[in-house]
Amino acid sequence: MGVLVDQFGRPFPSSKRPETRELGVVSIRDRWSSYPSAGLTPPRLAAIFQAADVGDVYRQAELFEEMEEKDGHLLSVMQTRRLAVLGLESQVEAASDAPEDAKIADFCREHLEDLELDALMTHLLGAIGHGYGGAEILWQSGASALIKGFQLIHPKNLTFIDSLTPKVVTEENRMGVEPRPFQLVYHRYAARSGHDTRNGLLRVVAYMFLFKNFALKDWVTFNEIFGMPLRLGKYDPSASKEDIAALKDAIRSLGSDAAGVISKSTEIEFVEAAGRLTGSYNPYEVMADFCNREMSKAVLGQTLTTDTKGSTGTYAAGKVQADVRRDLVEADAKAIAKTIRLQLLRPLVGYNFGWDKKVPGFTLLIQDAPDLKEDSEVVKNLKEAGFGKRIPLRYANEHFGIPEPKEGEETLGDAPEPPEPGAERGSQAGKPAPPGTGEAAAMKLLLPLFAGLAGRDVRTAAPLTLIPQDAQVIRTQGELDHLTLAALEASAQADAQMLAPVLELLERGASLEEIRSRLLTLYPELAAGGQEEALYQAMVQANLRGRLGHEQ
């Protein structure tokens, strides 16, 4: 076996016992904060980032914590990103089919069930915003190397000063101490290449938070000044100082008491703020909305699931863009699963079974809810296409959640079927089929139908236009009816020519299946040119007759 290395790539000697001494990272000082967001400006924000670049992440971690506290939209999108992973089910799989690997997987699975794994994952997913997250592993003292819990470490209590790996800040050592092998579970968010302190999404949206904060402050100031109408008092030049003082008191009292007493010689005017009533454009709201959209794009990868104001068709577009967010969920799930496997399951297996044993797999399952309506259409189409015998009934019951009926229990199939369109009102479901139904009866109906279409006598057909019997009947009406009958006769002749092969097929007494297959073959060969020619001739004659009548 080669040299063993821990989660940070540091070599360590093979051991059967983990370190049980705790770092003691919990302190009452963790409650305190310097509130770096108070009076935050672009230069101060840049200074905080510069300190984090050299490893001092204390103020950056405090700022990121405040940003989520002060900005409701930012908190919402960050929570959405984290909860999308926390809602997934976890699964521990054996490294192989060997009995020993199955035993190791069962051991790890049972041990993880006894731990507060959800709380650990919630804390570690804070790395999405900060770029990193860590928790101390608390090992039990005893014959077996078991984990009794985790001590969550605030991001500001990790430091990277003079080190590429995290150090833990303690009460005894404010410069940080290096954790012992597998004493710390450390999760990093690697959305892009670079150092852990610069990879957090909250660093990306920090300037949007700052600019939005400026816009909201200006908006609040504007509302405070111009939210109420200006109370302007007017007095005559001859007014005394006592009258002017009384007018001032009346104006001030109107602001809070909404009541005042003035003399008839004075006047109070209420001046509305410019644009207050129309309000068609609000630059502060536009700026805040822009910052919100940028935050949504950075955290969720899209905006339509958070902002739909003033837009149409956002439901369908939001569903499309939700797939982008799925990619982020898959990446987050794979990253956190890898951290748990290599930094929790690996030491569990190494300390209890040996460092040369295979580590079980740990995955978070991402399953989409099935679209039952769409799936039912697929099953229906497959059944109609002739694949019904290949679909077991058990599949439909399991997929759609339909329970098996008990013996004697009424089912939907026992309910009366709705009447067919055009059926007689007096007909009732459940009656025996009338005589003369089936394939033979269908052939008897099809044969005269096509024969009638092919050889109809249009001379007995009624004209399309009814000729009124009065003195105002125009002379050309009869000519128009003659043109109509001629067009119908030409159409009937074209029908007879086109349907002749079909009529011949029916007269041979072929089965319905043969008729169906032969019709598919005959369809391209059916001569429809006669119908086109008859329609063309009728249109030409009608056009010429109309021109002639117009000239007369």
Protein backbone atom coordinates (compact mmCIF):
# COMPACT_ATOMS: atom_id res chain seq x y z
CA MET A 1 0.00 0.00 0.00
CA GLY A 2 1.37 3.41 -0.96
CA VAL A 3 1.54 6.58 1.09
CA LEU A 4 -1.80 7.58 2.61
CA VAL A 5 -2.97 11.16 2.17
CA ASP A 6 -5.91 12.95 3.77
CA GLN A 7 -8.56 15.14 2.14
CA PHE A 8 -6.03 17.98 1.73
CA GLY A 9 -3.35 15.80 0.15
CA ARG A 10 -1.21 15.67 3.30
CA PRO A 11 0.47 12.32 4.04
CA PHE A 12 -0.43 10.66 7.34
CA PRO A 13 0.59 7.38 8.98
CA SER A 14 -1.74 4.40 8.84
CA SER A 15 -3.76 4.24 12.02
CA LYS A 16 -6.76 2.36 13.34
CA ARG A 17 -7.85 5.16 15.66
CA PRO A 18 -8.87 8.73 14.76
CA GLU A 19 -8.02 11.79 16.79
CA THR A 20 -10.72 12.34 19.43
CA ARG A 21 -9.46 15.65 20.88
CA GLU A 22 -11.78 18.44 19.79
CA LEU A 23 -10.59 21.73 18.39
CA GLY A 24 -13.05 23.73 20.47
CA VAL A 25 -14.13 26.09 17.70
CA VAL A 26 -17.38 27.18 19.37
CA SER A 27 -17.11 30.56 21.06
CA ILE A 28 -19.49 33.20 22.32
CA ARG A 29 -17.63 35.61 20.07
CA ASP A 30 -19.27 33.98 17.08
CA ARG A 31 -22.43 35.92 17.93
CA TRP A 32 -20.68 39.23 17.53
CA SER A 33 -20.25 40.94 14.21
CA SER A 34 -18.51 44.07 13.03
CA TYR A 35 -21.40 44.70 10.58
CA PRO A 36 -19.23 45.60 7.61
CA SER A 37 -22.30 46.42 5.49
CA ALA A 38 -22.96 49.56 7.55
CA GLY A 39 -21.83 52.49 5.42
CA LEU A 40 -20.55 50.14 2.74
CA THR A 41 -19.06 51.85 -0.31
CA PRO A 42 -17.32 50.47 -3.41
CA PRO A 43 -13.83 51.26 -2.00
CA ARG A 44 -14.65 49.55 1.31
CA LEU A 45 -16.05 46.54 -0.51
CA ALA A 46 -12.89 46.30 -2.61
CA ALA A 47 -10.79 46.46 0.58
CA ILE A 48 -12.77 43.57 2.11
CA PHE A 49 -12.19 41.49 -1.01
CA GLN A 50 -8.48 42.32 -1.05
CA ALA A 51 -8.13 41.12 2.54
CA ALA A 52 -9.88 37.87 1.62
CA ASP A 53 -7.52 37.39 -1.32
CA VAL A 54 -4.57 37.12 1.08
CA GLY A 55 -6.43 34.68 3.33
CA ASP A 56 -8.18 36.94 5.86
CA VAL A 57 -11.83 36.09 5.17
CA TYR A 58 -13.23 37.31 8.51
CA ARG A 59 -14.94 40.49 7.29
CA GLN A 60 -15.93 38.94 3.96
CA ALA A 61 -17.72 36.10 5.78
CA GLU A 62 -19.52 38.60 8.02
CA LEU A 63 -20.52 40.69 5.01
CA PHE A 64 -21.93 37.68 3.18
CA GLU A 65 -23.96 36.77 6.27
CA GLU A 66 -25.39 40.29 6.45
CA MET A 67 -26.23 40.36 2.75
CA GLU A 68 -28.65 37.46 3.13
CA GLU A 69 -30.13 39.06 6.26
CA LYS A 70 -30.80 42.42 4.60
CA ASP A 71 -31.87 41.39 1.10
CA GLY A 72 -35.03 39.31 0.88
CA HIS A 73 -34.61 38.53 -2.82
CA LEU A 74 -31.04 37.35 -2.33
CA LEU A 75 -32.08 35.17 0.60
CA SER A 76 -34.86 33.65 -1.50
CA VAL A 77 -32.67 32.65 -4.45
CA MET A 78 -29.91 31.32 -2.19
CA GLN A 79 -32.44 29.26 -0.24
CA THR A 80 -33.89 27.95 -3.49
CA ARG A 81 -30.44 26.86 -4.65
CA ARG A 82 -29.64 25.10 -1.36
CA LEU A 83 -33.04 23.46 -0.80
CA ALA A 84 -33.00 22.01 -4.32
CA VAL A 85 -30.19 19.70 -3.13
CA LEU A 86 -31.45 19.11 0.40
CA GLY A 87 -34.69 17.66 -0.95
CA LEU A 88 -32.90 14.80 -2.73
CA GLU A 89 -32.76 11.27 -1.35
CA SER A 90 -29.33 9.82 -0.58
CA GLN A 91 -28.16 6.34 -1.47
CA VAL A 92 -25.14 4.29 -0.36
CA GLU A 93 -24.07 1.64 -2.87
CA ALA A 94 -21.55 -1.17 -2.43
CA ALA A 95 -18.30 -0.81 -4.35
CA SER A 96 -18.82 -4.26 -5.91
CA ASP A 97 -20.92 -7.41 -5.62
CA ALA A 98 -18.44 -8.99 -3.21
CA PRO A 99 -19.91 -9.92 0.20
CA GLU A 100 -17.25 -7.88 2.00
CA ASP A 101 -18.10 -4.73 0.03
CA ALA A 102 -21.80 -5.28 0.71
CA LYS A 103 -21.02 -5.57 4.43
CA ILE A 104 -19.02 -2.33 4.35
CA ALA A 105 -21.84 -0.54 2.52
CA ASP A 106 -24.40 -1.73 5.09
CA PHE A 107 -22.17 -0.51 7.91
CA CYS A 108 -21.79 2.95 6.35
CA ARG A 109 -25.49 3.19 5.51
CA GLU A 110 -26.61 2.34 9.04
CA HIS A 111 -24.07 4.72 10.58
CA LEU A 112 -25.10 7.66 8.39
CA GLU A 113 -28.73 7.12 9.36
CA ASP A 114 -27.78 7.78 12.99
CA LEU A 115 -26.14 11.13 12.17
CA GLU A 116 -27.64 14.57 11.54
CA LEU A 117 -26.62 14.41 7.90
CA ASP A 118 -29.21 16.98 6.77
CA ALA A 119 -27.86 19.59 9.19
CA LEU A 120 -24.32 18.91 7.97
CA MET A 121 -25.33 19.21 4.32
CA THR A 122 -27.23 22.44 5.02
CA HIS A 123 -24.10 23.94 6.54
CA LEU A 124 -21.76 22.66 3.85
CA LEU A 125 -24.02 23.98 1.08
CA GLY A 126 -23.25 27.42 2.44
CA ALA A 127 -20.14 27.01 0.30
CA ILE A 128 -22.31 27.99 -2.67
CA GLY A 129 -22.33 31.53 -1.32
CA HIS A 130 -19.02 31.72 0.56
CA GLY A 131 -16.97 29.45 -1.69
CA TYR A 132 -16.12 27.06 1.14
CA GLY A 133 -17.63 25.48 4.25
CA GLY A 134 -16.35 23.25 7.02
CA ALA A 135 -17.41 21.25 10.06
CA GLU A 136 -15.41 19.40 12.69
CA ILE A 137 -15.89 15.62 12.84
CA LEU A 138 -16.43 14.48 16.43
CA TRP A 139 -15.14 10.91 16.80
CA GLN A 140 -16.28 8.60 19.59
CA SER A 141 -13.88 7.01 22.03
CA GLY A 142 -14.17 3.23 21.98
CA ALA A 143 -13.22 0.05 20.23
CA SER A 144 -14.82 1.11 16.94
CA ALA A 145 -14.13 4.35 15.13
CA LEU A 146 -17.58 5.92 14.97
CA ILE A 147 -18.74 9.49 14.43
CA LYS A 148 -20.86 10.90 17.25
CA GLY A 149 -21.67 14.19 15.56
CA PHE A 150 -20.40 17.34 13.89
CA GLN A 151 -19.41 20.77 15.15
CA LEU A 152 -20.37 23.34 12.52
CA ILE A 153 -17.70 25.96 11.92
CA HIS A 154 -18.69 29.50 10.98
CA PRO A 155 -17.01 30.55 7.72
CA LYS A 156 -15.30 33.46 9.51
CA ASN A 157 -13.54 30.97 11.83
CA LEU A 158 -11.62 29.50 8.92
CA THR A 159 -8.55 31.34 7.71
CA PHE A 160 -6.17 30.94 4.80
CA ILE A 161 -3.41 33.29 5.95
CA ASP A 162 -0.02 31.89 4.91
CA SER A 163 -1.69 28.63 3.86
CA LEU A 164 -3.41 27.15 0.83
CA THR A 165 -5.46 24.81 3.04
CA PRO A 166 -7.92 26.03 5.67
CA LYS A 167 -6.90 26.60 9.26
CA VAL A 168 -9.36 26.67 12.16
CA VAL A 169 -9.40 29.79 14.34
CA THR A 170 -9.64 28.88 18.04
CA GLU A 171 -9.67 30.82 21.31
CA GLU A 172 -6.08 29.84 21.96
CA ASN A 173 -4.78 30.54 18.47
CA ARG A 174 -6.40 33.38 16.54
CA MET A 175 -4.04 32.77 13.62
CA GLY A 176 -5.52 29.32 13.13
CA VAL A 177 -4.39 25.74 13.63
CA GLU A 178 -4.20 23.02 11.01
CA PRO A 179 -6.79 20.28 11.55
CA ARG A 180 -5.55 16.75 12.00
CA PRO A 181 -6.27 14.13 9.30
CA PHE A 182 -10.00 13.57 8.86
CA GLN A 183 -10.84 15.89 11.74
CA LEU A 184 -12.47 18.38 9.38
CA VAL A 185 -14.99 17.83 6.59
CA TYR A 186 -14.33 20.64 4.14
CA HIS A 187 -16.56 21.39 1.15
CA ARG A 188 -15.58 23.77 -1.63
CA TYR A 189 -17.77 25.28 -4.35
CA ALA A 190 -15.88 25.15 -7.63
CA ALA A 191 -18.06 27.04 -10.10
CA ARG A 192 -14.87 28.23 -11.76
CA SER A 193 -11.15 27.82 -11.29
CA GLY A 194 -9.48 29.88 -8.60
CA HIS A 195 -9.00 30.06 -4.87
CA ASP A 196 -11.80 29.00 -2.54
CA THR A 197 -12.18 32.49 -1.05
CA ARG A 198 -13.03 33.95 -4.47
CA ASN A 199 -15.40 31.28 -5.78
CA GLY A 200 -18.52 32.05 -3.76
CA LEU A 201 -21.60 33.38 -5.54
CA LEU A 202 -22.14 36.01 -2.85
CA ARG A 203 -18.90 37.59 -3.97
CA VAL A 204 -20.28 37.74 -7.51
CA VAL A 205 -23.50 39.48 -6.44
CA ALA A 206 -21.91 41.73 -3.79
CA TYR A 207 -21.79 44.74 -6.10
CA MET A 208 -25.40 44.19 -7.16
CA PHE A 209 -26.30 44.13 -3.46
CA LEU A 210 -24.41 47.39 -2.95
CA PHE A 211 -25.99 49.20 -5.91
CA LYS A 212 -29.44 47.96 -4.97
CA ASN A 213 -28.85 49.22 -1.44
CA PHE A 214 -27.98 52.67 -2.82
CA ALA A 215 -31.16 52.69 -4.94
CA LEU A 216 -33.35 51.68 -2.00
CA LYS A 217 -31.83 54.35 0.24
CA ASP A 218 -32.49 57.02 -2.37
CA TRP A 219 -36.01 55.68 -2.88
CA VAL A 220 -36.73 55.85 0.85
CA THR A 221 -35.36 59.40 1.00
CA PHE A 222 -37.47 60.41 -1.99
CA ASN A 223 -40.60 58.97 -0.41
CA GLU A 224 -39.83 60.70 2.87
CA ILE A 225 -39.45 64.08 1.20
CA PHE A 226 -41.97 63.87 -1.62
CA GLY A 227 -44.29 61.19 -0.33
CA MET A 228 -46.54 63.82 1.21
CA PRO A 229 -47.52 67.04 -0.56
CA LEU A 230 -45.57 70.18 0.25
CA ARG A 231 -47.48 72.42 2.66
CA LEU A 232 -46.88 75.98 1.52
CA GLY A 233 -48.21 78.89 3.60
CA LYS A 234 -48.94 82.29 2.10
CA TYR A 235 -49.37 85.55 4.01
CA ASP A 236 -49.95 89.16 3.10
CA PRO A 237 -47.04 91.59 3.24
CA SER A 238 -48.89 93.42 5.97
CA ALA A 239 -49.03 90.33 8.21
CA SER A 240 -47.46 90.70 11.63
CA LYS A 241 -44.79 88.44 13.10
CA GLU A 242 -47.42 86.83 15.30
CA ASP A 243 -49.49 85.95 12.22
CA ILE A 244 -46.46 84.46 10.45
CA ALA A 245 -45.54 82.40 13.53
CA ALA A 246 -49.12 81.16 13.82
CA LEU A 247 -49.06 80.17 10.15
CA LYS A 248 -45.84 78.16 10.68
CA ASP A 249 -47.36 76.35 13.65
CA ALA A 250 -50.48 75.57 11.61
CA ILE A 251 -48.42 74.13 8.74
CA ARG A 252 -46.42 71.93 11.11
CA SER A 253 -49.53 70.70 12.88
CA LEU A 254 -51.10 69.80 9.54
CA GLY A 255 -48.29 67.32 8.97
CA SER A 256 -49.01 65.21 12.05
CA ASP A 257 -52.37 66.26 13.47
CA ALA A 258 -54.03 66.94 10.10
CA ALA A 259 -55.73 69.94 11.72
CA GLY A 260 -54.92 73.62 12.20
CA VAL A 261 -56.40 77.06 12.83
CA ILE A 262 -55.40 80.05 10.71
CA SER A 263 -56.84 83.48 10.04
CA LYS A 264 -58.75 84.39 6.92
CA SER A 265 -55.92 86.61 5.75
CA THR A 266 -53.55 83.63 5.40
CA GLU A 267 -53.59 80.75 2.92
CA ILE A 268 -52.15 77.22 2.87
CA GLU A 269 -51.45 75.48 -0.44
CA PHE A 270 -50.69 71.78 -0.92
CA VAL A 271 -48.20 71.28 -3.76
CA GLU A 272 -47.97 67.77 -5.22
CA ALA A 273 -44.53 66.35 -6.06
CA ALA A 274 -43.70 66.35 -9.76
CA GLY A 275 -44.63 63.06 -11.37
CA ARG A 276 -46.14 61.75 -8.14
CA LEU A 277 -49.57 61.19 -9.63
CA THR A 278 -48.54 59.86 -13.01
CA GLY A 279 -45.60 57.73 -11.85
CA SER A 280 -44.99 56.16 -15.24
CA TYR A 281 -41.23 55.76 -14.62
CA ASN A 282 -39.47 55.06 -11.34
CA PRO A 283 -35.67 54.96 -11.73
CA TYR A 284 -35.17 53.53 -8.23
CA GLU A 285 -37.48 50.60 -8.87
CA VAL A 286 -35.90 49.99 -12.28
CA MET A 287 -32.45 49.85 -10.68
CA ALA A 288 -33.61 47.52 -7.91
CA ASP A 289 -35.30 45.19 -10.42
CA PHE A 290 -32.17 45.10 -12.56
CA CYS A 291 -30.04 44.13 -9.56
CA ASN A 292 -32.55 41.42 -8.61
CA ARG A 293 -32.42 39.94 -12.10
CA GLU A 294 -28.64 39.88 -12.07
CA MET A 295 -28.67 38.09 -8.71
CA SER A 296 -31.17 35.54 -10.02
CA LYS A 297 -29.05 34.83 -13.09
CA ALA A 298 -25.91 34.39 -10.99
CA VAL A 299 -27.51 32.07 -8.42
CA LEU A 300 -30.25 30.21 -10.32
CA GLY A 301 -28.99 30.55 -13.87
CA GLN A 302 -32.26 32.20 -15.01
CA THR A 303 -34.79 34.83 -13.99
CA LEU A 304 -38.28 33.67 -15.06
CA THR A 305 -38.96 31.56 -11.97
CA THR A 306 -38.44 34.61 -9.75
CA ASP A 307 -39.56 37.62 -11.85
CA THR A 308 -42.62 37.50 -14.10
CA LYS A 309 -43.85 41.07 -13.73
CA GLY A 310 -45.01 42.71 -16.92
CA SER A 311 -44.29 39.78 -19.21
CA THR A 312 -46.36 37.22 -21.07
CA GLY A 313 -45.79 33.56 -21.74
CA THR A 314 -43.57 33.26 -18.69
CA TYR A 315 -45.03 29.94 -17.51
CA ALA A 316 -43.83 27.99 -20.53
CA ALA A 317 -40.56 29.91 -20.71
CA GLY A 318 -40.02 29.35 -17.00
CA LYS A 319 -40.40 25.61 -17.49
CA VAL A 320 -37.81 25.70 -20.26
CA GLN A 321 -35.37 27.70 -18.18
CA ALA A 322 -35.92 25.41 -15.21
CA ASP A 323 -33.80 22.85 -17.10
CA VAL A 324 -30.83 25.21 -16.77
CA ARG A 325 -31.38 25.23 -13.04
CA ARG A 326 -31.47 21.43 -13.10
CA ASP A 327 -27.89 21.46 -14.38
CA LEU A 328 -26.90 23.49 -11.33
CA VAL A 329 -28.72 21.08 -9.01
CA GLU A 330 -26.92 18.12 -10.58
CA ALA A 331 -23.54 19.83 -10.19
CA ASP A 332 -24.24 20.75 -6.55
CA ALA A 333 -25.47 17.23 -5.78
CA LYS A 334 -22.40 15.59 -7.32
CA ALA A 335 -20.04 17.93 -5.47
CA ILE A 336 -21.58 17.42 -2.02
CA ALA A 337 -21.86 13.66 -2.58
CA LYS A 338 -18.16 13.51 -3.46
CA THR A 339 -17.26 15.43 -0.30
CA ILE A 340 -19.29 13.08 1.92
CA ARG A 341 -17.87 9.97 0.26
CA LEU A 342 -14.21 11.00 0.45
CA GLN A 343 -14.25 12.81 3.80
CA LEU A 344 -16.81 10.78 5.80
CA LEU A 345 -17.16 7.32 4.28
CA ARG A 346 -13.47 6.94 3.50
CA PRO A 347 -12.24 7.44 7.10
CA LEU A 348 -15.11 5.27 8.39
CA VAL A 349 -14.00 2.42 6.13
CA GLY A 350 -10.29 3.02 6.73
CA TYR A 351 -10.43 3.12 10.52
CA ASN A 352 -12.85 0.17 10.84
CA PHE A 353 -12.00 -2.15 7.92
CA GLY A 354 -8.59 -1.03 6.68
CA TRP A 355 -7.34 1.67 4.33
CA ASP A 356 -6.96 -0.77 1.47
CA LYS A 357 -10.70 -1.53 1.34
CA LYS A 358 -12.96 -0.06 -1.31
CA VAL A 359 -15.11 2.89 -0.31
CA PRO A 360 -18.85 2.58 -1.03
CA GLY A 361 -20.48 5.01 -3.41
CA PHE A 362 -22.65 7.86 -2.16
CA THR A 363 -25.10 9.57 -4.51
CA LEU A 364 -28.02 11.96 -4.31
CA LEU A 365 -30.89 10.81 -6.52
CA ILE A 366 -32.43 13.36 -8.88
CA GLN A 367 -35.82 12.12 -10.06
CA ASP A 368 -38.31 14.12 -12.09
CA ALA A 369 -42.01 13.76 -11.33
CA PRO A 370 -43.63 11.94 -14.28
CA ASP A 371 -46.12 13.77 -16.47
CA LEU A 372 -49.01 11.32 -16.11
CA LYS A 373 -51.17 13.09 -18.68
CA GLU A 374 -48.47 12.92 -21.33
CA ASP A 375 -47.63 9.32 -20.43
CA SER A 376 -51.29 8.33 -20.73
CA GLU A 377 -51.37 9.72 -24.27
CA VAL A 378 -48.26 7.68 -25.12
CA VAL A 379 -49.84 4.49 -23.78
CA LYS A 380 -53.06 5.22 -25.65
CA ASN A 381 -51.22 5.79 -28.94
CA LEU A 382 -49.16 2.62 -28.50
CA LYS A 383 -52.31 0.61 -27.85
CA GLU A 384 -54.03 2.01 -30.93
CA ALA A 385 -50.92 1.27 -33.00
CA GLY A 386 -51.13 -2.41 -32.09
CA PHE A 387 -48.59 -2.57 -29.25
CA GLY A 388 -51.19 -3.12 -26.52
CA LYS A 389 -50.29 -6.80 -26.13
CA ARG A 390 -46.69 -5.83 -25.33
CA ILE A 391 -47.63 -3.51 -22.43
CA PRO A 392 -48.36 -5.45 -19.22
CA LEU A 393 -51.24 -4.26 -17.07
CA ARG A 394 -48.89 -4.27 -14.09
CA TYR A 395 -46.88 -1.43 -15.69
CA ALA A 396 -49.96 0.77 -16.00
CA ASN A 397 -50.97 0.05 -12.40
CA GLU A 398 -47.52 0.87 -11.01
CA HIS A 399 -46.79 3.86 -13.23
CA PHE A 400 -50.14 5.59 -12.74
CA GLY A 401 -50.65 4.44 -9.15
CA ILE A 402 -53.81 2.48 -9.93
CA PRO A 403 -54.54 -0.18 -7.28
CA GLU A 404 -55.57 -3.69 -8.22
CA PRO A 405 -59.35 -4.16 -7.74
CA LYS A 406 -60.44 -6.63 -5.12
CA GLU A 407 -62.67 -9.55 -5.99
CA GLY A 408 -66.23 -8.38 -6.53
CA GLU A 409 -65.28 -4.70 -6.28
CA GLU A 410 -66.93 -2.36 -8.78
CA THR A 411 -64.56 -0.88 -11.34
CA LEU A 412 -64.78 1.91 -13.88
CA GLY A 413 -65.27 -0.71 -16.56
CA ASP A 414 -68.57 -1.66 -14.95
CA ALA A 415 -70.02 1.84 -15.36
CA PRO A 416 -72.38 2.43 -18.32
CA GLU A 417 -70.63 3.72 -21.42
CA PRO A 418 -71.69 7.15 -22.71
CA PRO A 419 -73.90 7.05 -25.83
CA GLU A 420 -72.25 7.45 -29.19
CA PRO A 421 -72.78 10.77 -31.00
CA GLY A 422 -75.97 10.62 -33.09
CA ALA A 423 -77.39 7.63 -31.20
CA GLU A 424 -81.12 7.59 -30.48
CA ARG A 425 -82.12 9.06 -27.15
CA GLY A 426 -84.05 5.95 -26.24
CA SER A 427 -81.08 3.62 -26.69
CA GLN A 428 -79.57 2.15 -23.55
CA ALA A 429 -76.12 0.78 -22.92
CA GLY A 430 -75.85 -2.90 -22.29
CA LYS A 431 -78.37 -4.01 -24.93
CA PRO A 432 -77.24 -6.79 -27.29
CA ALA A 433 -75.81 -5.62 -30.57
CA PRO A 434 -78.46 -5.36 -33.30
CA PRO A 435 -78.36 -7.94 -36.10
CA GLY A 436 -76.43 -7.16 -39.23
CA THR A 437 -73.36 -5.74 -37.49
CA GLY A 438 -69.77 -6.77 -38.03
CA GLU A 439 -67.55 -6.98 -41.11
CA ALA A 440 -70.20 -8.41 -43.45
CA ALA A 441 -72.65 -5.64 -42.61
CA ALA A 442 -69.93 -3.03 -43.05
CA MET A 443 -69.23 -4.37 -46.55
CA LYS A 444 -72.92 -4.11 -47.44
CA LEU A 445 -72.89 -0.46 -46.35
CA LEU A 446 -69.64 0.47 -48.10
CA LEU A 447 -70.56 -1.02 -51.47
CA PRO A 448 -73.71 1.05 -52.20
CA LEU A 449 -72.07 4.11 -50.68
CA PHE A 450 -69.17 4.15 -53.14
CA ALA A 451 -71.43 3.00 -55.96
CA GLY A 452 -73.73 5.94 -55.29
CA LEU A 453 -70.83 8.36 -55.32
CA ALA A 454 -69.52 6.97 -58.59
CA GLY A 455 -72.83 6.85 -60.48
CA ARG A 456 -75.10 9.52 -58.99
CA ASP A 457 -77.63 11.30 -61.24
CA VAL A 458 -77.10 14.98 -60.71
CA ARG A 459 -79.90 15.93 -63.09
CA THR A 460 -82.42 15.26 -60.34
CA ALA A 461 -80.47 17.29 -57.80
CA ALA A 462 -81.95 20.53 -56.64
CA PRO A 463 -80.20 23.66 -57.89
CA LEU A 464 -77.95 25.41 -55.40
CA THR A 465 -79.97 28.61 -55.75
CA LEU A 466 -83.71 28.66 -55.10
CA ILE A 467 -85.52 30.66 -57.80
CA PRO A 468 -88.13 32.94 -56.27
CA GLN A 469 -91.45 32.95 -58.15
CA ASP A 470 -92.18 36.66 -58.42
CA ALA A 471 -91.82 39.49 -60.90
CA GLN A 472 -88.37 40.57 -59.65
CA VAL A 473 -86.61 37.39 -60.68
CA ILE A 474 -83.64 38.34 -62.80
CA ARG A 475 -83.34 36.80 -66.24
CA THR A 476 -79.88 35.37 -65.68
CA GLN A 477 -80.83 33.27 -62.65
CA GLY A 478 -81.79 30.31 -64.81
CA GLU A 479 -78.50 30.52 -66.65
CA LEU A 480 -76.62 30.43 -63.32
CA ASP A 481 -78.59 27.37 -62.23
CA HIS A 482 -77.74 25.71 -65.55
CA LEU A 483 -74.02 26.39 -64.92
CA THR A 484 -74.36 24.89 -61.44
CA LEU A 485 -75.95 21.69 -62.71
CA ALA A 486 -73.33 21.38 -65.44
CA ALA A 487 -70.55 21.71 -62.85
CA LEU A 488 -72.16 19.06 -60.64
CA GLU A 489 -72.50 16.68 -63.60
CA ALA A 490 -68.83 17.16 -64.51
CA SER A 491 -67.89 16.56 -60.87
CA ALA A 492 -69.94 13.34 -60.78
CA GLN A 493 -68.18 12.06 -63.88
CA ALA A 494 -64.80 12.84 -62.26
CA ASP A 495 -65.90 11.01 -59.09
CA ALA A 496 -66.89 7.95 -61.11
CA GLN A 497 -63.51 7.88 -62.82
CA MET A 498 -61.59 8.38 -59.57
CA LEU A 499 -63.57 5.85 -57.49
CA ALA A 500 -63.72 3.12 -60.13
CA PRO A 501 -60.73 1.17 -58.68
CA VAL A 502 -62.21 1.40 -55.17
CA LEU A 503 -65.60 0.18 -56.38
CA GLU A 504 -63.94 -2.72 -58.15
CA LEU A 505 -62.11 -3.60 -54.94
CA LEU A 506 -65.34 -3.63 -52.94
CA GLU A 507 -67.20 -5.72 -55.53
CA ARG A 508 -64.56 -8.45 -55.28
CA GLY A 509 -65.69 -8.99 -51.67
CA ALA A 510 -62.31 -8.36 -50.08
CA SER A 511 -61.97 -8.22 -46.27
CA LEU A 512 -61.68 -4.95 -44.36
CA GLU A 513 -57.99 -5.56 -43.66
CA GLU A 514 -57.29 -6.12 -47.36
CA ILE A 515 -59.34 -3.05 -48.28
CA ARG A 516 -57.34 -0.99 -45.81
CA SER A 517 -53.97 -2.12 -47.16
CA ARG A 518 -55.12 -1.80 -50.81
CA LEU A 519 -56.52 1.70 -50.22
CA LEU A 520 -53.12 2.83 -48.97
CA THR A 521 -51.64 1.53 -52.22
CA LEU A 522 -54.39 2.93 -54.44
CA TYR A 523 -54.44 6.37 -52.90
CA PRO A 524 -51.46 7.80 -54.85
CA GLU A 525 -52.93 6.35 -58.07
CA LEU A 526 -56.40 7.88 -57.73
CA ALA A 527 -56.97 10.33 -60.58
CA ALA A 528 -58.07 13.60 -59.00
CA GLY A 529 -57.38 15.66 -62.12
CA GLY A 530 -61.01 15.45 -63.26
CA GLN A 531 -62.21 17.23 -60.12
CA GLU A 532 -59.65 19.98 -60.63
CA GLU A 533 -60.64 20.41 -64.29
CA ALA A 534 -64.38 20.54 -63.47
CA LEU A 535 -63.80 23.16 -60.78
CA TYR A 536 -61.59 25.20 -63.10
CA GLN A 537 -64.17 25.16 -65.94
CA ALA A 538 -66.97 26.18 -63.56
CA MET A 539 -64.93 29.12 -62.22
CA VAL A 540 -64.02 30.31 -65.75
CA GLN A 541 -67.63 30.16 -66.97
CA ALA A 542 -68.91 31.96 -63.87
CA ASN A 543 -66.27 34.67 -64.31
CA LEU A 544 -67.13 35.18 -67.99
CA ARG A 545 -70.87 35.25 -67.26
CA GLY A 546 -70.29 37.86 -64.60
CA ARG A 547 -68.26 40.05 -66.94
CA LEU A 548 -70.93 39.76 -69.67
CA GLY A 549 -73.71 40.68 -67.27
CA HIS A 550 -71.75 43.68 -66.04
CA GLU A 551 -71.26 44.99 -69.63
CA GLN A 552 -74.95 44.59 -70.42
